[in-house]
PDB file of N, CA and C in Angstrom:
ATOM      1  N   UNK A   1      30.382  46.081 -28.699  1.00  0.00           N
ATOM      2  CA  UNK A   1      30.443  46.587 -27.339  1.00  0.00           C
ATOM      3  C   UNK A   1      29.172  47.373 -27.052  1.00  0.00           C
ATOM      4  N   UNK A   2      28.614  47.198 -25.870  1.00  0.00           N
ATOM      5  CA  UNK A   2      27.373  47.855 -25.496  1.00  0.00           C
ATOM      6  C   UNK A   2      27.620  49.327 -25.184  1.00  0.00           C
ATOM      7  N   UNK A   3      26.655  50.166 -25.559  1.00  0.00           N
ATOM      8  CA  UNK A   3      26.789  51.588 -25.219  1.00  0.00           C
ATOM      9  C   UNK A   3      26.849  51.781 -23.704  1.00  0.00           C
ATOM     10  N   UNK A   4      27.478  52.862 -23.301  1.00  0.00           N
ATOM     11  CA  UNK A   4      27.662  53.127 -21.880  1.00  0.00           C
ATOM     12  C   UNK A   4      26.307  53.300 -21.186  1.00  0.00           C
ATOM     13  N   UNK A   5      26.141  52.671 -20.029  1.00  0.00           N
ATOM     14  CA  UNK A   5      24.925  52.825 -19.254  1.00  0.00           C
ATOM     15  C   UNK A   5      23.845  51.794 -19.562  1.00  0.00           C
ATOM     16  N   UNK A   6      24.027  51.002 -20.595  1.00  0.00           N
ATOM     17  CA  UNK A   6      23.030  49.976 -20.925  1.00  0.00           C
ATOM     18  C   UNK A   6      23.462  48.650 -20.316  1.00  0.00           C
ATOM     19  N   UNK A   7      22.451  47.919 -19.827  1.00  0.00           N
ATOM     20  CA  UNK A   7      22.713  46.608 -19.236  1.00  0.00           C
ATOM     21  C   UNK A   7      22.416  45.545 -20.287  1.00  0.00           C
ATOM     22  N   UNK A   8      23.345  44.662 -20.483  1.00  0.00           N
ATOM     23  CA  UNK A   8      23.182  43.585 -21.445  1.00  0.00           C
ATOM     24  C   UNK A   8      22.891  42.309 -20.673  1.00  0.00           C
ATOM     25  N   UNK A   9      21.713  41.698 -20.918  1.00  0.00           N
ATOM     26  CA  UNK A   9      21.344  40.462 -20.240  1.00  0.00           C
ATOM     27  C   UNK A   9      21.889  39.271 -21.008  1.00  0.00           C
ATOM     28  N   UNK A  10      22.412  38.314 -20.273  1.00  0.00           N
ATOM     29  CA  UNK A  10      22.859  37.083 -20.906  1.00  0.00           C
ATOM     30  C   UNK A  10      21.651  36.194 -21.105  1.00  0.00           C
ATOM     31  N   UNK A  11      21.559  35.552 -22.261  1.00  0.00           N
ATOM     32  CA  UNK A  11      20.463  34.617 -22.513  1.00  0.00           C
ATOM     33  C   UNK A  11      20.709  33.344 -21.728  1.00  0.00           C
ATOM     34  N   UNK A  12      19.623  32.814 -21.157  1.00  0.00           N
ATOM     35  CA  UNK A  12      19.733  31.554 -20.431  1.00  0.00           C
ATOM     36  C   UNK A  12      19.749  30.412 -21.434  1.00  0.00           C
ATOM     37  N   UNK A  13      20.552  29.429 -21.151  1.00  0.00           N
ATOM     38  CA  UNK A  13      20.556  28.258 -22.009  1.00  0.00           C
ATOM     39  C   UNK A  13      19.291  27.453 -21.714  1.00  0.00           C
ATOM     40  N   UNK A  14      18.819  26.650 -22.658  1.00  0.00           N
ATOM     41  CA  UNK A  14      17.593  25.872 -22.438  1.00  0.00           C
ATOM     42  C   UNK A  14      17.635  24.995 -21.188  1.00  0.00           C
ATOM     43  N   UNK A  15      18.798  24.551 -20.796  1.00  0.00           N
ATOM     44  CA  UNK A  15      18.888  23.683 -19.626  1.00  0.00           C
ATOM     45  C   UNK A  15      18.736  24.470 -18.319  1.00  0.00           C
ATOM     46  N   UNK A  16      18.895  25.794 -18.353  1.00  0.00           N
ATOM     47  CA  UNK A  16      18.770  26.608 -17.146  1.00  0.00           C
ATOM     48  C   UNK A  16      17.348  27.095 -16.906  1.00  0.00           C
ATOM     49  N   UNK A  17      16.474  26.977 -17.887  1.00  0.00           N
ATOM     50  CA  UNK A  17      15.107  27.465 -17.754  1.00  0.00           C
ATOM     51  C   UNK A  17      14.262  26.505 -16.934  1.00  0.00           C
ATOM     52  N   UNK A  18      13.222  27.060 -16.286  1.00  0.00           N
ATOM     53  CA  UNK A  18      12.289  26.219 -15.540  1.00  0.00           C
ATOM     54  C   UNK A  18      11.428  25.445 -16.524  1.00  0.00           C
ATOM     55  N   UNK A  19      11.109  24.229 -16.174  1.00  0.00           N
ATOM     56  CA  UNK A  19      10.265  23.398 -17.015  1.00  0.00           C
ATOM     57  C   UNK A  19       9.022  23.015 -16.222  1.00  0.00           C
ATOM     58  N   UNK A  20       7.851  23.243 -16.830  1.00  0.00           N
ATOM     59  CA  UNK A  20       6.589  22.920 -16.170  1.00  0.00           C
ATOM     60  C   UNK A  20       6.324  21.427 -16.257  1.00  0.00           C
ATOM     61  N   UNK A  21       5.834  20.870 -15.152  1.00  0.00           N
ATOM     62  CA  UNK A  21       5.479  19.453 -15.091  1.00  0.00           C
ATOM     63  C   UNK A  21       4.018  19.370 -14.678  1.00  0.00           C
ATOM     64  N   UNK A  22       3.203  18.657 -15.460  1.00  0.00           N
ATOM     65  CA  UNK A  22       1.785  18.490 -15.164  1.00  0.00           C
ATOM     66  C   UNK A  22       1.531  17.035 -14.792  1.00  0.00           C
ATOM     67  N   UNK A  23       0.699  16.825 -13.773  1.00  0.00           N
ATOM     68  CA  UNK A  23       0.348  15.459 -13.387  1.00  0.00           C
ATOM     69  C   UNK A  23      -0.747  14.943 -14.303  1.00  0.00           C
ATOM     70  N   UNK A  24      -0.715  13.649 -14.565  1.00  0.00           N
ATOM     71  CA  UNK A  24      -1.785  13.020 -15.337  1.00  0.00           C
ATOM     72  C   UNK A  24      -2.902  12.632 -14.373  1.00  0.00           C
ATOM     73  N   UNK A  25      -4.113  13.037 -14.721  1.00  0.00           N
ATOM     74  CA  UNK A  25      -5.273  12.692 -13.883  1.00  0.00           C
ATOM     75  C   UNK A  25      -6.262  11.891 -14.713  1.00  0.00           C
ATOM     76  N   UNK A  26      -7.047  11.063 -14.037  1.00  0.00           N
ATOM     77  CA  UNK A  26      -8.044  10.239 -14.700  1.00  0.00           C
ATOM     78  C   UNK A  26      -9.398  10.937 -14.676  1.00  0.00           C
ATOM     79  N   UNK A  27     -10.372  10.339 -15.344  1.00  0.00           N
ATOM     80  CA  UNK A  27     -11.676  10.970 -15.498  1.00  0.00           C
ATOM     81  C   UNK A  27     -12.404  11.143 -14.172  1.00  0.00           C
ATOM     82  N   UNK A  28     -12.164  10.272 -13.195  1.00  0.00           N
ATOM     83  CA  UNK A  28     -12.841  10.435 -11.904  1.00  0.00           C
ATOM     84  C   UNK A  28     -12.372  11.695 -11.185  1.00  0.00           C
ATOM     85  N   UNK A  29     -11.124  12.073 -11.388  1.00  0.00           N
ATOM     86  CA  UNK A  29     -10.615  13.312 -10.814  1.00  0.00           C
ATOM     87  C   UNK A  29     -11.251  14.511 -11.504  1.00  0.00           C
ATOM     88  N   UNK A  30     -11.395  14.443 -12.815  1.00  0.00           N
ATOM     89  CA  UNK A  30     -12.024  15.536 -13.568  1.00  0.00           C
ATOM     90  C   UNK A  30     -13.497  15.686 -13.180  1.00  0.00           C
ATOM     91  N   UNK A  31     -14.146  14.597 -12.831  1.00  0.00           N
ATOM     92  CA  UNK A  31     -15.562  14.632 -12.486  1.00  0.00           C
ATOM     93  C   UNK A  31     -15.813  15.434 -11.215  1.00  0.00           C
ATOM     94  N   UNK A  32     -14.900  15.409 -10.262  1.00  0.00           N
ATOM     95  CA  UNK A  32     -15.097  16.098  -8.984  1.00  0.00           C
ATOM     96  C   UNK A  32     -14.286  17.389  -8.867  1.00  0.00           C
ATOM     97  N   UNK A  33     -13.689  17.824  -9.952  1.00  0.00           N
ATOM     98  CA  UNK A  33     -12.850  19.023  -9.945  1.00  0.00           C
ATOM     99  C   UNK A  33     -13.688  20.270  -9.654  1.00  0.00           C
ATOM    100  N   UNK A  34     -13.167  21.155  -8.796  1.00  0.00           N
ATOM    101  CA  UNK A  34     -13.876  22.385  -8.440  1.00  0.00           C
ATOM    102  C   UNK A  34     -13.768  23.441  -9.533  1.00  0.00           C
ATOM    103  N   UNK A  35     -12.706  23.378 -10.331  1.00  0.00           N
ATOM    104  CA  UNK A  35     -12.515  24.337 -11.430  1.00  0.00           C
ATOM    105  C   UNK A  35     -12.297  23.565 -12.727  1.00  0.00           C
ATOM    106  N   UNK A  36     -13.369  23.074 -13.341  1.00  0.00           N
ATOM    107  CA  UNK A  36     -13.215  22.243 -14.537  1.00  0.00           C
ATOM    108  C   UNK A  36     -12.661  23.031 -15.724  1.00  0.00           C
ATOM    109  N   UNK A  37     -11.803  22.387 -16.479  1.00  0.00           N
ATOM    110  CA  UNK A  37     -11.232  23.006 -17.676  1.00  0.00           C
ATOM    111  C   UNK A  37     -11.787  22.291 -18.913  1.00  0.00           C
ATOM    112  N   UNK A  38     -11.633  22.910 -20.062  1.00  0.00           N
ATOM    113  CA  UNK A  38     -12.167  22.358 -21.304  1.00  0.00           C
ATOM    114  C   UNK A  38     -11.527  21.014 -21.636  1.00  0.00           C
ATOM    115  N   UNK A  39     -10.215  20.904 -21.454  1.00  0.00           N
ATOM    116  CA  UNK A  39      -9.508  19.660 -21.768  1.00  0.00           C
ATOM    117  C   UNK A  39      -9.993  18.521 -20.881  1.00  0.00           C
ATOM    118  N   UNK A  40     -10.138  18.792 -19.588  1.00  0.00           N
ATOM    119  CA  UNK A  40     -10.590  17.773 -18.650  1.00  0.00           C
ATOM    120  C   UNK A  40     -12.019  17.333 -18.914  1.00  0.00           C
ATOM    121  N   UNK A  41     -12.892  18.281 -19.224  1.00  0.00           N
ATOM    122  CA  UNK A  41     -14.292  17.942 -19.484  1.00  0.00           C
ATOM    123  C   UNK A  41     -14.445  17.146 -20.778  1.00  0.00           C
ATOM    124  N   UNK A  42     -13.634  17.472 -21.790  1.00  0.00           N
ATOM    125  CA  UNK A  42     -13.660  16.717 -23.049  1.00  0.00           C
ATOM    126  C   UNK A  42     -13.207  15.280 -22.799  1.00  0.00           C
ATOM    127  N   UNK A  43     -12.168  15.111 -21.977  1.00  0.00           N
ATOM    128  CA  UNK A  43     -11.676  13.781 -21.632  1.00  0.00           C
ATOM    129  C   UNK A  43     -12.726  13.017 -20.828  1.00  0.00           C
ATOM    130  N   UNK A  44     -13.349  13.686 -19.878  1.00  0.00           N
ATOM    131  CA  UNK A  44     -14.371  13.057 -19.033  1.00  0.00           C
ATOM    132  C   UNK A  44     -15.547  12.565 -19.872  1.00  0.00           C
ATOM    133  N   UNK A  45     -16.007  13.385 -20.810  1.00  0.00           N
ATOM    134  CA  UNK A  45     -17.119  12.988 -21.688  1.00  0.00           C
ATOM    135  C   UNK A  45     -16.738  11.782 -22.545  1.00  0.00           C
ATOM    136  N   UNK A  46     -15.503  11.751 -23.029  1.00  0.00           N
ATOM    137  CA  UNK A  46     -15.046  10.624 -23.838  1.00  0.00           C
ATOM    138  C   UNK A  46     -14.960   9.335 -23.050  1.00  0.00           C
ATOM    139  N   UNK A  47     -14.599   9.449 -21.771  1.00  0.00           N
ATOM    140  CA  UNK A  47     -14.453   8.256 -20.933  1.00  0.00           C
ATOM    141  C   UNK A  47     -15.802   7.713 -20.470  1.00  0.00           C
ATOM    142  N   UNK A  48     -16.873   8.480 -20.594  1.00  0.00           N
ATOM    143  CA  UNK A  48     -18.197   7.996 -20.214  1.00  0.00           C
ATOM    144  C   UNK A  48     -18.775   7.044 -21.259  1.00  0.00           C
ATOM    145  N   UNK A  49     -18.199   7.008 -22.457  1.00  0.00           N
ATOM    146  CA  UNK A  49     -18.684   6.126 -23.514  1.00  0.00           C
ATOM    147  C   UNK A  49     -18.346   4.679 -23.167  1.00  0.00           C
ATOM    148  N   UNK A  50     -19.220   3.733 -23.505  1.00  0.00           N
ATOM    149  CA  UNK A  50     -18.934   2.318 -23.203  1.00  0.00           C
ATOM    150  C   UNK A  50     -17.688   1.828 -23.943  1.00  0.00           C
ATOM    151  N   UNK A  51     -16.839   1.128 -23.236  1.00  0.00           N
ATOM    152  CA  UNK A  51     -15.637   0.558 -23.836  1.00  0.00           C
ATOM    153  C   UNK A  51     -14.482   1.539 -23.988  1.00  0.00           C
ATOM    154  N   UNK A  52     -14.621   2.761 -23.506  1.00  0.00           N
ATOM    155  CA  UNK A  52     -13.560   3.763 -23.644  1.00  0.00           C
ATOM    156  C   UNK A  52     -12.391   3.414 -22.729  1.00  0.00           C
ATOM    157  N   UNK A  53     -11.183   3.590 -23.265  1.00  0.00           N
ATOM    158  CA  UNK A  53      -9.979   3.369 -22.478  1.00  0.00           C
ATOM    159  C   UNK A  53      -9.117   4.611 -22.600  1.00  0.00           C
ATOM    160  N   UNK A  54      -8.616   5.086 -21.490  1.00  0.00           N
ATOM    161  CA  UNK A  54      -7.781   6.277 -21.504  1.00  0.00           C
ATOM    162  C   UNK A  54      -6.615   6.132 -20.555  1.00  0.00           C
ATOM    163  N   UNK A  55      -5.619   6.970 -20.767  1.00  0.00           N
ATOM    164  CA  UNK A  55      -4.424   6.940 -19.929  1.00  0.00           C
ATOM    165  C   UNK A  55      -4.312   8.180 -19.062  1.00  0.00           C
ATOM    166  N   UNK A  56      -5.322   9.023 -19.087  1.00  0.00           N
ATOM    167  CA  UNK A  56      -5.287  10.238 -18.289  1.00  0.00           C
ATOM    168  C   UNK A  56      -5.071  11.459 -19.167  1.00  0.00           C
ATOM    169  N   UNK A  57      -5.188  12.603 -18.545  1.00  0.00           N
ATOM    170  CA  UNK A  57      -5.024  13.872 -19.242  1.00  0.00           C
ATOM    171  C   UNK A  57      -4.184  14.782 -18.341  1.00  0.00           C
ATOM    172  N   UNK A  58      -3.256  15.585 -18.910  1.00  0.00           N
ATOM    173  CA  UNK A  58      -2.462  16.495 -18.087  1.00  0.00           C
ATOM    174  C   UNK A  58      -3.353  17.571 -17.459  1.00  0.00           C
ATOM    175  N   UNK A  59      -3.232  17.758 -16.164  1.00  0.00           N
ATOM    176  CA  UNK A  59      -4.066  18.725 -15.446  1.00  0.00           C
ATOM    177  C   UNK A  59      -3.267  20.003 -15.216  1.00  0.00           C
ATOM    178  N   UNK A  60      -3.783  21.132 -15.704  1.00  0.00           N
ATOM    179  CA  UNK A  60      -3.067  22.398 -15.555  1.00  0.00           C
ATOM    180  C   UNK A  60      -3.080  22.902 -14.118  1.00  0.00           C
ATOM    181  N   UNK A  61      -3.974  22.387 -13.296  1.00  0.00           N
ATOM    182  CA  UNK A  61      -4.044  22.816 -11.899  1.00  0.00           C
ATOM    183  C   UNK A  61      -2.959  22.172 -11.044  1.00  0.00           C
ATOM    184  N   UNK A  62      -2.284  21.159 -11.561  1.00  0.00           N
ATOM    185  CA  UNK A  62      -1.230  20.468 -10.814  1.00  0.00           C
ATOM    186  C   UNK A  62       0.152  20.852 -11.335  1.00  0.00           C
ATOM    187  N   UNK A  63       0.268  22.007 -11.958  1.00  0.00           N
ATOM    188  CA  UNK A  63       1.533  22.433 -12.574  1.00  0.00           C
ATOM    189  C   UNK A  63       2.565  22.761 -11.497  1.00  0.00           C
ATOM    190  N   UNK A  64       3.747  22.197 -11.643  1.00  0.00           N
ATOM    191  CA  UNK A  64       4.888  22.522 -10.801  1.00  0.00           C
ATOM    192  C   UNK A  64       6.084  22.770 -11.714  1.00  0.00           C
ATOM    193  N   UNK A  65       7.032  23.531 -11.228  1.00  0.00           N
ATOM    194  CA  UNK A  65       8.217  23.845 -12.029  1.00  0.00           C
ATOM    195  C   UNK A  65       9.423  23.131 -11.467  1.00  0.00           C
ATOM    196  N   UNK A  66      10.206  22.563 -12.369  1.00  0.00           N
ATOM    197  CA  UNK A  66      11.392  21.822 -11.975  1.00  0.00           C
ATOM    198  C   UNK A  66      12.615  22.582 -12.436  1.00  0.00           C
TER     199      UNK A  66
END
């Protein structure tokens, strides 16, 4: 039992927490980005190599919570 005057918070179950969703962007988006990040620039440099194939990189600037 909690001492008098103390508030006991219930823990949220994992299904009740917000989950961040990041959009996948391609190298052309990273090339024109106004606020380049290390992950995006590393991906962009890799995609400039001949024969490089990529599926995109998660962009932290497009984060939304579900």
